[in-house]
Amino acid sequence: MQIDRALIEYNNRPLRVPGGAAQVQGTGARLAAGKPIDTKSPLYKQCIDFESIFVKMMLKEMRATVDKSADIIGGGFAGDMYQDMLDDEYAKTMSKTAHFGLADDLYRQLAK
């Protein structure tokens, strides 16, 4: 099998930031020059909390599509309560570590 040289060169080309942005952070969104996101500010922490609420809603809707016949937790009121608390913790952890970008975009809009 012969390897196509042009395909290899295309796949190994350097990536460029679109629009000549001065700084790229996290999700690749363009930032204004000299205005990085302050991840320690109270506003950014509130943006992370908002993102975790959004992620929890997403997890809840995703979980509603799954068949509950083979549920490990067992169901009932206690099982539903446990699942809700577990989803809440999953959402908080995912918002802090997964970098969805919603908190960054929200921070940029509110910090203007």
C-alpha atoms as a PDB file:
ATOM      1  CA  MET A   1       0.000   0.000   0.000  1.00  0.00           C
ATOM      2  CA  GLN A   2       1.405   3.354  -1.022  1.00  0.00           C
ATOM      3  CA  ILE A   3       0.920   6.310   1.313  1.00  0.00           C
ATOM      4  CA  ASP A   4      -0.254   9.499  -0.332  1.00  0.00           C
ATOM      5  CA  ARG A   5       2.341  12.186   0.426  1.00  0.00           C
ATOM      6  CA  ALA A   6      -0.098  15.075  -0.101  1.00  0.00           C
ATOM      7  CA  LEU A   7      -2.508  13.612   2.470  1.00  0.00           C
ATOM      8  CA  ILE A   8       0.269  13.261   5.038  1.00  0.00           C
ATOM      9  CA  GLU A   9       1.379  16.860   4.464  1.00  0.00           C
ATOM     10  CA  TYR A  10      -2.213  18.081   4.759  1.00  0.00           C
ATOM     11  CA  ASN A  11      -2.818  16.214   8.035  1.00  0.00           C
ATOM     12  CA  ASN A  12       0.456  17.485   9.520  1.00  0.00           C
ATOM     13  CA  ARG A  13       0.051  21.147   8.561  1.00  0.00           C
ATOM     14  CA  PRO A  14       0.272  23.720  11.370  1.00  0.00           C
ATOM     15  CA  LEU A  15      -3.047  24.984  12.697  1.00  0.00           C
ATOM     16  CA  ARG A  16      -3.756  28.708  12.653  1.00  0.00           C
ATOM     17  CA  VAL A  17      -6.069  30.692  14.878  1.00  0.00           C
ATOM     18  CA  PRO A  18      -8.859  32.177  12.740  1.00  0.00           C
ATOM     19  CA  GLY A  19      -9.071  35.947  12.540  1.00  0.00           C
ATOM     20  CA  GLY A  20      -5.639  36.576  14.033  1.00  0.00           C
ATOM     21  CA  ALA A  21      -6.881  36.595  17.643  1.00  0.00           C
ATOM     22  CA  ALA A  22      -4.420  38.011  20.124  1.00  0.00           C
ATOM     23  CA  GLN A  23      -5.051  35.317  22.708  1.00  0.00           C
ATOM     24  CA  VAL A  24      -6.803  31.956  22.734  1.00  0.00           C
ATOM     25  CA  GLN A  25      -7.841  30.358  26.002  1.00  0.00           C
ATOM     26  CA  GLY A  26      -9.665  27.150  26.854  1.00  0.00           C
ATOM     27  CA  THR A  27     -12.261  26.560  24.176  1.00  0.00           C
ATOM     28  CA  GLY A  28     -10.494  28.455  21.406  1.00  0.00           C
ATOM     29  CA  ALA A  29     -12.721  31.502  21.674  1.00  0.00           C
ATOM     30  CA  ARG A  30     -11.178  34.823  20.756  1.00  0.00           C
ATOM     31  CA  LEU A  31     -10.448  37.247  23.561  1.00  0.00           C
ATOM     32  CA  ALA A  32      -9.890  40.947  23.420  1.00  0.00           C
ATOM     33  CA  ALA A  33      -6.225  41.852  23.724  1.00  0.00           C
ATOM     34  CA  GLY A  34      -5.097  42.142  27.335  1.00  0.00           C
ATOM     35  CA  LYS A  35      -8.344  40.815  28.854  1.00  0.00           C
ATOM     36  CA  PRO A  36      -7.810  37.242  30.031  1.00  0.00           C
ATOM     37  CA  ILE A  37     -10.453  35.445  32.061  1.00  0.00           C
ATOM     38  CA  ASP A  38      -9.987  35.871  35.812  1.00  0.00           C
ATOM     39  CA  THR A  39     -10.788  32.345  37.036  1.00  0.00           C
ATOM     40  CA  LYS A  40     -10.523  33.408  40.678  1.00  0.00           C
ATOM     41  CA  SER A  41     -13.141  36.173  40.503  1.00  0.00           C
ATOM     42  CA  PRO A  42     -16.551  35.742  42.147  1.00  0.00           C
ATOM     43  CA  LEU A  43     -18.230  36.400  38.789  1.00  0.00           C
ATOM     44  CA  TYR A  44     -16.403  33.491  37.141  1.00  0.00           C
ATOM     45  CA  LYS A  45     -17.326  31.186  40.045  1.00  0.00           C
ATOM     46  CA  GLN A  46     -20.980  32.131  39.564  1.00  0.00           C
ATOM     47  CA  CYS A  47     -20.606  31.415  35.839  1.00  0.00           C
ATOM     48  CA  ILE A  48     -19.242  27.951  36.681  1.00  0.00           C
ATOM     49  CA  ASP A  49     -22.228  27.377  38.982  1.00  0.00           C
ATOM     50  CA  PHE A  50     -24.592  28.384  36.183  1.00  0.00           C
ATOM     51  CA  GLU A  51     -22.828  26.015  33.804  1.00  0.00           C
ATOM     52  CA  SER A  52     -23.197  23.180  36.325  1.00  0.00           C
ATOM     53  CA  ILE A  53     -26.961  23.819  36.492  1.00  0.00           C
ATOM     54  CA  PHE A  54     -27.110  23.609  32.703  1.00  0.00           C
ATOM     55  CA  VAL A  55     -25.056  20.376  32.689  1.00  0.00           C
ATOM     56  CA  LYS A  56     -27.296  18.869  35.384  1.00  0.00           C
ATOM     57  CA  MET A  57     -30.369  19.618  33.255  1.00  0.00           C
ATOM     58  CA  MET A  58     -28.635  17.967  30.325  1.00  0.00           C
ATOM     59  CA  LEU A  59     -27.793  14.875  32.399  1.00  0.00           C
ATOM     60  CA  LYS A  60     -31.378  14.641  33.667  1.00  0.00           C
ATOM     61  CA  GLU A  61     -32.769  14.747  30.126  1.00  0.00           C
ATOM     62  CA  MET A  62     -30.220  12.200  28.937  1.00  0.00           C
ATOM     63  CA  ARG A  63     -31.057   9.883  31.836  1.00  0.00           C
ATOM     64  CA  ALA A  64     -34.781  10.110  30.976  1.00  0.00           C
ATOM     65  CA  THR A  65     -34.071   8.378  27.660  1.00  0.00           C
ATOM     66  CA  VAL A  66     -32.528   5.299  29.310  1.00  0.00           C
ATOM     67  CA  ASP A  67     -34.624   2.227  30.187  1.00  0.00           C
ATOM     68  CA  LYS A  68     -34.955   1.934  33.979  1.00  0.00           C
ATOM     69  CA  SER A  69     -35.617  -1.828  34.080  1.00  0.00           C
ATOM     70  CA  ALA A  70     -31.954  -2.589  34.857  1.00  0.00           C
ATOM     71  CA  ASP A  71     -31.504   0.254  37.343  1.00  0.00           C
ATOM     72  CA  ILE A  72     -28.617  -0.376  39.762  1.00  0.00           C
ATOM     73  CA  ILE A  73     -29.805   2.127  42.356  1.00  0.00           C
ATOM     74  CA  GLY A  74     -33.171   0.459  42.743  1.00  0.00           C
ATOM     75  CA  GLY A  75     -35.585   3.299  42.045  1.00  0.00           C
ATOM     76  CA  GLY A  76     -38.254   4.623  44.375  1.00  0.00           C
ATOM     77  CA  PHE A  77     -38.135   7.938  46.189  1.00  0.00           C
ATOM     78  CA  ALA A  78     -34.767   7.270  47.846  1.00  0.00           C
ATOM     79  CA  GLY A  79     -33.211   6.072  44.587  1.00  0.00           C
ATOM     80  CA  ASP A  80     -34.485   9.116  42.723  1.00  0.00           C
ATOM     81  CA  MET A  81     -33.150  11.406  45.458  1.00  0.00           C
ATOM     82  CA  TYR A  82     -29.754   9.695  45.381  1.00  0.00           C
ATOM     83  CA  GLN A  83     -29.635   9.898  41.578  1.00  0.00           C
ATOM     84  CA  ASP A  84     -30.453  13.610  41.700  1.00  0.00           C
ATOM     85  CA  MET A  85     -27.660  14.276  44.204  1.00  0.00           C
ATOM     86  CA  LEU A  86     -25.245  12.145  42.168  1.00  0.00           C
ATOM     87  CA  ASP A  87     -26.118  14.037  38.981  1.00  0.00           C
ATOM     88  CA  ASP A  88     -25.584  17.305  40.864  1.00  0.00           C
ATOM     89  CA  GLU A  89     -22.070  16.262  41.868  1.00  0.00           C
ATOM     90  CA  TYR A  90     -21.333  14.964  38.370  1.00  0.00           C
ATOM     91  CA  ALA A  91     -22.442  18.322  36.939  1.00  0.00           C
ATOM     92  CA  LYS A  92     -20.266  20.313  39.367  1.00  0.00           C
ATOM     93  CA  THR A  93     -17.223  18.176  38.602  1.00  0.00           C
ATOM     94  CA  MET A  94     -17.829  18.268  34.854  1.00  0.00           C
ATOM     95  CA  SER A  95     -18.206  22.057  34.870  1.00  0.00           C
ATOM     96  CA  LYS A  96     -14.900  22.510  36.670  1.00  0.00           C
ATOM     97  CA  THR A  97     -12.896  19.994  34.650  1.00  0.00           C
ATOM     98  CA  ALA A  98     -14.476  19.442  31.211  1.00  0.00           C
ATOM     99  CA  HIS A  99     -14.258  23.056  29.978  1.00  0.00           C
ATOM    100  CA  PHE A 100     -17.504  23.139  28.030  1.00  0.00           C
ATOM    101  CA  GLY A 101     -16.941  26.837  27.433  1.00  0.00           C
ATOM    102  CA  LEU A 102     -20.337  28.086  28.566  1.00  0.00           C
ATOM    103  CA  ALA A 103     -18.896  29.663  31.732  1.00  0.00           C
ATOM    104  CA  ASP A 104     -16.122  31.347  29.735  1.00  0.00           C
ATOM    105  CA  ASP A 105     -18.574  32.816  27.228  1.00  0.00           C
ATOM    106  CA  LEU A 106     -20.929  33.927  29.979  1.00  0.00           C
ATOM    107  CA  TYR A 107     -18.052  35.555  31.865  1.00  0.00           C
ATOM    108  CA  ARG A 108     -16.986  37.460  28.740  1.00  0.00           C
ATOM    109  CA  GLN A 109     -20.501  38.782  28.252  1.00  0.00           C
ATOM    110  CA  LEU A 110     -21.033  39.811  31.877  1.00  0.00           C
ATOM    111  CA  ALA A 111     -17.561  41.285  32.435  1.00  0.00           C
ATOM    112  CA  LYS A 112     -17.996  43.952  29.738  1.00  0.00           C
END
